[in-house]
Amino acid sequence: MIISINGTPGSGKSTIAKKIALALGYTHYYMGAIRRDTARKKDMTLAEYNTYGETHPETDLEVDEYLKKLGETTDNFVIESRTSWYLLPQSIKIFITVDPKIGATRVYKELQKSNYRNEDHILNSISEVLKSHTNRMASDKLRYKKYYNIDYTDPKNFDFIIDTTNLTPAEVLKKTLTFIKEFKQNA
């Protein structure tokens, strides 16, 4: 069973993906880390790399080819990726969302610890994080529409959508695992 996780910034995708993988004894893959690492190697921020990717499809296609190969050769994993629901149609497709301001607040708090996300610069306020998220989602939407003719935020693409705005990570995990169990039983 492959579980693909996508969602909006600050929704808790990574937290939940890791917890699901741990609960099921699955491997966890995070495509965002590959993009961030590639951006660093090119001496770019993630925002710069995403903008560059708007005219250089190889920035997405390289990661997406890895993702497709993973789906062809491996089973029983959780993957975080904007395109995994599309490239791995056999996966259980989960979309995690959050109120944009709440998501920005969550990320801002994490950024106060360190700039672990390789953002365009140190973001000094929640409004700067929110603007960064808005720009990133616009770039992602543009690239995926251009390269695959898909909208990675369209609810019809997913088997399960959960809004984490007013939920704890434990509540999100419980609801998501319950859905996965029911989905597996009905498959």
Protein backbone atom coordinates (compact mmCIF):
# COMPACT_ATOMS: atom_id res chain seq x y z
CA MET A 1 0.00 0.00 0.00
CA ILE A 2 1.30 3.44 -0.96
CA ILE A 3 -0.02 6.51 0.82
CA SER A 4 0.52 9.85 -0.91
CA ILE A 5 0.23 13.01 1.13
CA ASN A 6 -0.17 16.48 -0.28
CA GLY A 7 -1.52 19.69 1.16
CA THR A 8 -1.17 23.33 1.93
CA PRO A 9 1.82 24.94 3.67
CA GLY A 10 1.82 24.63 7.44
CA SER A 11 -0.98 22.05 7.48
CA GLY A 12 1.14 19.43 9.21
CA LYS A 13 1.86 17.23 6.20
CA SER A 14 5.33 16.22 7.37
CA THR A 15 4.27 15.63 10.95
CA ILE A 16 1.37 13.41 9.93
CA ALA A 17 3.27 11.62 7.15
CA LYS A 18 6.04 10.66 9.60
CA LYS A 19 3.51 9.53 12.21
CA ILE A 20 1.55 7.45 9.69
CA ALA A 21 4.75 5.81 8.46
CA LEU A 22 5.78 5.03 12.02
CA ALA A 23 2.34 3.66 12.95
CA LEU A 24 2.26 1.38 9.89
CA GLY A 25 5.95 0.44 9.91
CA TYR A 26 6.38 2.02 6.47
CA THR A 27 9.22 4.02 4.98
CA HIS A 28 8.64 7.77 4.70
CA TYR A 29 9.79 9.75 1.65
CA TYR A 30 9.75 13.53 1.44
CA MET A 31 10.16 14.96 -2.05
CA GLY A 32 10.38 18.52 -0.72
CA ALA A 33 13.71 17.65 0.91
CA ILE A 34 15.08 16.58 -2.47
CA ARG A 35 13.99 19.89 -4.02
CA ARG A 36 15.45 21.89 -1.13
CA ASP A 37 18.74 19.99 -1.31
CA THR A 38 18.95 20.50 -5.07
CA ALA A 39 18.25 24.22 -4.61
CA ARG A 40 21.07 24.48 -2.04
CA LYS A 41 23.48 22.68 -4.37
CA LYS A 42 22.64 25.25 -7.04
CA ASP A 43 23.17 28.02 -4.47
CA MET A 44 19.49 28.96 -4.71
CA THR A 45 16.75 29.31 -2.17
CA LEU A 46 13.71 27.12 -2.64
CA ALA A 47 11.73 30.14 -3.87
CA GLU A 48 14.41 30.92 -6.46
CA TYR A 49 14.54 27.28 -7.53
CA ASN A 50 10.76 27.13 -7.91
CA THR A 51 10.77 30.31 -10.02
CA TYR A 52 13.61 28.87 -12.10
CA GLY A 53 11.52 25.72 -12.51
CA GLU A 54 8.72 27.72 -14.14
CA THR A 55 10.85 27.76 -17.32
CA HIS A 56 13.05 24.72 -16.65
CA PRO A 57 10.88 21.59 -16.41
CA GLU A 58 13.82 19.37 -15.47
CA THR A 59 13.60 20.73 -11.91
CA ASP A 60 10.30 18.91 -11.47
CA LEU A 61 10.69 16.09 -13.96
CA GLU A 62 13.85 14.74 -12.31
CA VAL A 63 12.12 14.38 -8.94
CA ASP A 64 8.94 13.08 -10.56
CA GLU A 65 10.83 10.37 -12.47
CA TYR A 66 12.36 9.24 -9.17
CA LEU A 67 8.89 9.20 -7.64
CA LYS A 68 7.40 7.13 -10.50
CA LYS A 69 10.27 4.62 -10.31
CA LEU A 70 9.78 4.34 -6.56
CA GLY A 71 6.11 3.52 -7.12
CA GLU A 72 7.02 0.85 -9.67
CA THR A 73 9.66 -0.87 -7.54
CA THR A 74 8.59 -0.37 -3.94
CA ASP A 75 5.50 -0.88 -1.82
CA ASN A 76 4.36 0.01 1.68
CA PHE A 77 5.55 3.58 1.98
CA VAL A 78 4.27 7.06 2.73
CA ILE A 79 5.27 9.82 0.35
CA GLU A 80 4.93 13.57 0.66
CA SER A 81 4.80 15.22 -2.72
CA ARG A 82 2.67 17.69 -4.62
CA THR A 83 2.42 15.29 -7.57
CA SER A 84 2.42 11.84 -5.94
CA TRP A 85 -1.38 11.49 -6.16
CA TYR A 86 -1.07 11.96 -9.92
CA LEU A 87 2.11 9.99 -10.58
CA LEU A 88 1.15 7.13 -8.26
CA PRO A 89 -2.52 6.57 -9.12
CA GLN A 90 -2.51 3.31 -7.13
CA SER A 91 -1.85 5.24 -3.91
CA ILE A 92 -4.31 6.27 -1.24
CA LYS A 93 -4.47 10.02 -1.89
CA ILE A 94 -4.62 12.29 1.17
CA PHE A 95 -4.81 16.09 1.15
CA ILE A 96 -4.12 18.01 4.35
CA THR A 97 -5.26 21.61 4.56
CA VAL A 98 -5.23 24.44 7.08
CA ASP A 99 -6.39 28.03 7.27
CA PRO A 100 -3.56 29.93 5.51
CA LYS A 101 -2.89 32.27 8.45
CA ILE A 102 -2.76 29.37 10.91
CA GLY A 103 -0.38 27.54 8.57
CA ALA A 104 1.83 30.62 8.30
CA THR A 105 1.83 30.98 12.08
CA ARG A 106 2.91 27.36 12.53
CA VAL A 107 5.75 27.73 10.02
CA TYR A 108 6.81 31.08 11.52
CA LYS A 109 7.18 29.43 14.93
CA GLU A 110 9.38 26.71 13.40
CA LEU A 111 11.45 29.30 11.56
CA GLN A 112 12.20 31.02 14.86
CA LYS A 113 14.12 27.87 15.82
CA SER A 114 16.11 27.79 12.57
CA ASN A 115 15.68 28.47 8.88
CA TYR A 116 15.34 24.74 8.28
CA ARG A 117 13.09 25.22 5.24
CA ASN A 118 15.66 27.17 3.19
CA GLU A 119 13.15 29.96 2.59
CA ASP A 120 14.07 32.89 0.38
CA HIS A 121 15.39 34.73 3.42
CA ILE A 122 14.72 34.77 7.11
CA LEU A 123 11.04 35.59 7.23
CA ASN A 124 10.50 38.11 10.00
CA SER A 125 6.76 38.00 10.44
CA ILE A 126 3.73 35.81 9.98
CA SER A 127 2.63 38.05 7.09
CA GLU A 128 5.98 37.46 5.33
CA VAL A 129 5.56 33.70 5.75
CA LEU A 130 2.00 33.94 4.43
CA LYS A 131 3.23 35.87 1.39
CA SER A 132 5.98 33.28 0.83
CA HIS A 133 3.40 30.48 1.01
CA THR A 134 1.09 32.27 -1.42
CA ASN A 135 3.96 32.77 -3.88
CA ARG A 136 5.11 29.15 -3.54
CA MET A 137 1.63 27.76 -4.15
CA ALA A 138 1.22 30.01 -7.20
CA SER A 139 4.54 28.81 -8.61
CA ASP A 140 3.66 25.17 -7.91
CA LYS A 141 0.24 25.56 -9.55
CA LEU A 142 1.80 27.23 -12.59
CA ARG A 143 4.46 24.54 -13.04
CA TYR A 144 2.14 21.56 -12.57
CA LYS A 145 -0.51 23.05 -14.85
CA LYS A 146 2.15 23.73 -17.49
CA TYR A 147 3.95 20.37 -17.26
CA TYR A 148 1.10 17.98 -16.39
CA ASN A 149 -2.12 19.96 -16.86
CA ILE A 150 -3.13 19.25 -13.26
CA ASP A 151 -4.24 21.27 -10.24
CA TYR A 152 -2.61 19.71 -7.20
CA THR A 153 -5.13 21.41 -4.88
CA ASP A 154 -8.34 20.22 -6.56
CA PRO A 155 -10.31 18.23 -3.95
CA LYS A 156 -11.67 15.79 -6.56
CA ASN A 157 -8.15 14.34 -6.89
CA PHE A 158 -8.09 12.95 -3.35
CA ASP A 159 -9.60 10.08 -1.43
CA PHE A 160 -9.45 11.89 1.92
CA ILE A 161 -9.23 15.57 2.82
CA ILE A 162 -8.65 16.77 6.36
CA ASP A 163 -8.53 20.33 7.68
CA THR A 164 -6.06 20.57 10.57
CA THR A 165 -6.91 24.15 11.55
CA ASN A 166 -8.64 23.17 14.80
CA LEU A 167 -7.17 19.70 15.33
CA THR A 168 -4.17 18.46 17.25
CA PRO A 169 -1.64 16.25 15.47
CA ALA A 170 -2.96 13.30 17.51
CA GLU A 171 -6.52 13.96 16.30
CA VAL A 172 -5.36 14.28 12.69
CA LEU A 173 -3.39 11.05 12.97
CA LYS A 174 -6.32 9.17 14.46
CA LYS A 175 -8.80 10.35 11.81
CA THR A 176 -6.35 9.68 8.99
CA LEU A 177 -5.42 6.18 10.20
CA THR A 178 -9.12 5.37 10.61
CA PHE A 179 -9.72 6.41 7.00
CA ILE A 180 -6.74 4.38 5.74
CA LYS A 181 -7.97 1.29 7.59
CA GLU A 182 -11.50 1.68 6.18
CA PHE A 183 -10.17 2.39 2.69
CA LYS A 184 -8.00 -0.73 2.80
CA GLN A 185 -10.93 -2.87 3.99
CA ASN A 186 -13.18 -1.59 1.20
CA ALA A 187 -10.55 -1.95 -1.54
